[in-house]
């Protein structure tokens, strides 16, 4: 599956952004989808994930650093996963990546569990 993320930009602290990740070339609805972020010199960090589910009852996971501010959702009809980011902080500045989880037995928090990645979209939050 190919993933294309977009929606990043330069915003002020306290603002909101919505990232989108469009999938093509695979069965999007069968993948748990995750969002990660990375800053130069640091490891890729888990942000949020949303499960696959044939009955549209999804489980979500969020990193402690974004709980209450970020919301992950998906629209299987549009093969798209979203990350709604509210109350942005300067420490949220990073390149954000979407990914499709391919390793069924690994944790959703582990980047190694994801076999398909988008190209990343830059989010910069100014103070």
Protein backbone atom coordinates (compact mmCIF):
# COMPACT_ATOMS: atom_id res chain seq x y z
CA UNK A 1 0.00 0.00 0.00
CA UNK A 2 1.24 3.50 -0.84
CA UNK A 3 0.66 6.32 1.64
CA UNK A 4 0.61 10.05 1.00
CA UNK A 5 0.51 12.41 3.97
CA UNK A 6 -0.38 16.07 3.79
CA UNK A 7 -1.72 18.92 5.88
CA UNK A 8 1.38 20.10 7.68
CA UNK A 9 2.42 23.71 7.95
CA UNK A 10 3.65 26.56 10.10
CA UNK A 11 1.27 27.62 12.85
CA UNK A 12 1.34 29.49 16.14
CA UNK A 13 1.12 27.79 19.50
CA UNK A 14 -2.47 27.06 20.44
CA UNK A 15 -3.54 26.57 16.84
CA UNK A 16 -4.94 23.47 15.15
CA UNK A 17 -3.98 21.42 12.13
CA UNK A 18 -5.48 18.34 10.55
CA UNK A 19 -3.16 15.91 8.85
CA UNK A 20 -4.47 13.51 6.24
CA UNK A 21 -2.95 10.34 4.89
CA UNK A 22 -4.40 8.85 1.73
CA UNK A 23 -3.75 5.21 0.90
CA UNK A 24 -3.71 3.52 -2.47
CA UNK A 25 -2.80 0.17 -3.91
CA UNK A 26 -3.90 -2.01 -1.01
CA UNK A 27 -6.74 -2.98 1.29
CA UNK A 28 -6.66 0.08 3.52
CA UNK A 29 -9.48 -1.11 5.78
CA UNK A 30 -7.48 -4.17 6.86
CA UNK A 31 -4.60 -2.14 8.35
CA UNK A 32 -4.15 -0.63 11.75
CA UNK A 33 -2.87 2.85 10.93
CA UNK A 34 -0.40 4.86 12.95
CA UNK A 35 1.04 8.34 13.15
CA UNK A 36 4.62 8.95 14.19
CA UNK A 37 6.79 12.02 14.35
CA UNK A 38 10.49 12.68 14.22
CA UNK A 39 12.81 15.58 14.86
CA UNK A 40 16.42 15.66 13.65
CA UNK A 41 18.75 13.64 15.83
CA UNK A 42 15.98 11.78 17.62
CA UNK A 43 14.22 8.47 17.11
CA UNK A 44 10.85 8.28 15.47
CA UNK A 45 8.19 8.73 18.15
CA UNK A 46 4.72 7.17 18.35
CA UNK A 47 1.89 9.70 18.30
CA UNK A 48 -1.39 7.85 17.73
CA UNK A 49 -2.93 4.83 16.07
CA UNK A 50 -6.31 3.49 15.10
CA UNK A 51 -7.22 -0.14 14.65
CA UNK A 52 -8.74 -1.83 11.68
CA UNK A 53 -12.14 -3.29 12.28
CA UNK A 54 -14.63 -4.75 9.82
CA UNK A 55 -17.53 -3.54 11.94
CA UNK A 56 -16.30 0.06 12.17
CA UNK A 57 -15.79 -0.05 15.94
CA UNK A 58 -12.27 1.21 16.26
CA UNK A 59 -9.77 1.19 19.05
CA UNK A 60 -7.40 4.14 19.30
CA UNK A 61 -4.11 4.72 21.07
CA UNK A 62 -2.48 8.03 21.90
CA UNK A 63 0.90 8.97 23.28
CA UNK A 64 0.72 10.58 26.71
CA UNK A 65 2.19 13.76 25.27
CA UNK A 66 -0.78 14.29 22.96
CA UNK A 67 -3.70 12.91 24.96
CA UNK A 68 -6.58 15.34 25.09
CA UNK A 69 -5.14 17.36 22.19
CA UNK A 70 -4.77 14.98 19.22
CA UNK A 71 -7.43 12.71 17.76
CA UNK A 72 -6.88 9.98 15.20
CA UNK A 73 -9.72 8.87 12.93
CA UNK A 74 -10.22 7.08 9.65
CA UNK A 75 -12.59 7.00 6.70
CA UNK A 76 -12.35 3.63 5.01
CA UNK A 77 -14.62 4.75 2.18
CA UNK A 78 -11.99 7.36 1.29
CA UNK A 79 -8.96 5.23 2.20
CA UNK A 80 -7.79 8.02 4.47
CA UNK A 81 -6.61 8.36 8.04
CA UNK A 82 -6.60 11.69 9.84
CA UNK A 83 -4.79 13.27 12.75
CA UNK A 84 -6.61 16.24 14.24
CA UNK A 85 -4.13 18.27 16.27
CA UNK A 86 -5.45 20.92 18.63
CA UNK A 87 -3.74 23.18 21.14
CA UNK A 88 -0.45 22.74 19.36
CA UNK A 89 2.76 23.39 21.28
CA UNK A 90 6.26 24.23 20.04
CA UNK A 91 7.39 20.78 21.20
CA UNK A 92 4.98 19.26 18.64
CA UNK A 93 7.27 20.54 15.89
CA UNK A 94 8.41 17.55 13.83
CA UNK A 95 8.00 15.70 10.59
CA UNK A 96 4.84 13.62 10.90
CA UNK A 97 4.56 10.24 9.22
CA UNK A 98 1.61 7.95 8.67
CA UNK A 99 2.16 4.24 8.51
CA UNK A 100 0.33 0.96 7.99
CA UNK A 101 0.93 -1.77 10.56
CA UNK A 102 1.97 -5.06 9.02
CA UNK A 103 3.40 -7.02 11.97
CA UNK A 104 0.35 -8.42 13.73
CA UNK A 105 2.07 -9.52 16.94
CA UNK A 106 4.05 -6.34 17.57
CA UNK A 107 2.96 -3.35 19.58
CA UNK A 108 1.22 -0.46 17.83
CA UNK A 109 3.72 1.78 19.62
CA UNK A 110 6.72 0.22 17.85
CA UNK A 111 7.74 1.76 14.51
CA UNK A 112 9.18 -1.61 13.50
CA UNK A 113 5.64 -3.00 13.42
CA UNK A 114 4.79 -0.82 10.43
CA UNK A 115 5.81 -1.95 6.97
CA UNK A 116 4.42 0.88 4.89
CA UNK A 117 5.23 4.54 5.44
CA UNK A 118 4.21 7.83 3.92
CA UNK A 119 6.74 10.47 2.95
CA UNK A 120 6.18 12.74 5.95
CA UNK A 121 4.74 16.20 6.35
CA UNK A 122 6.41 19.00 8.31
CA UNK A 123 4.60 20.58 11.24
CA UNK A 124 6.19 23.66 12.76
CA UNK A 125 4.68 25.36 15.79
CA UNK A 126 6.02 28.77 16.72
CA UNK A 127 5.83 30.18 20.24
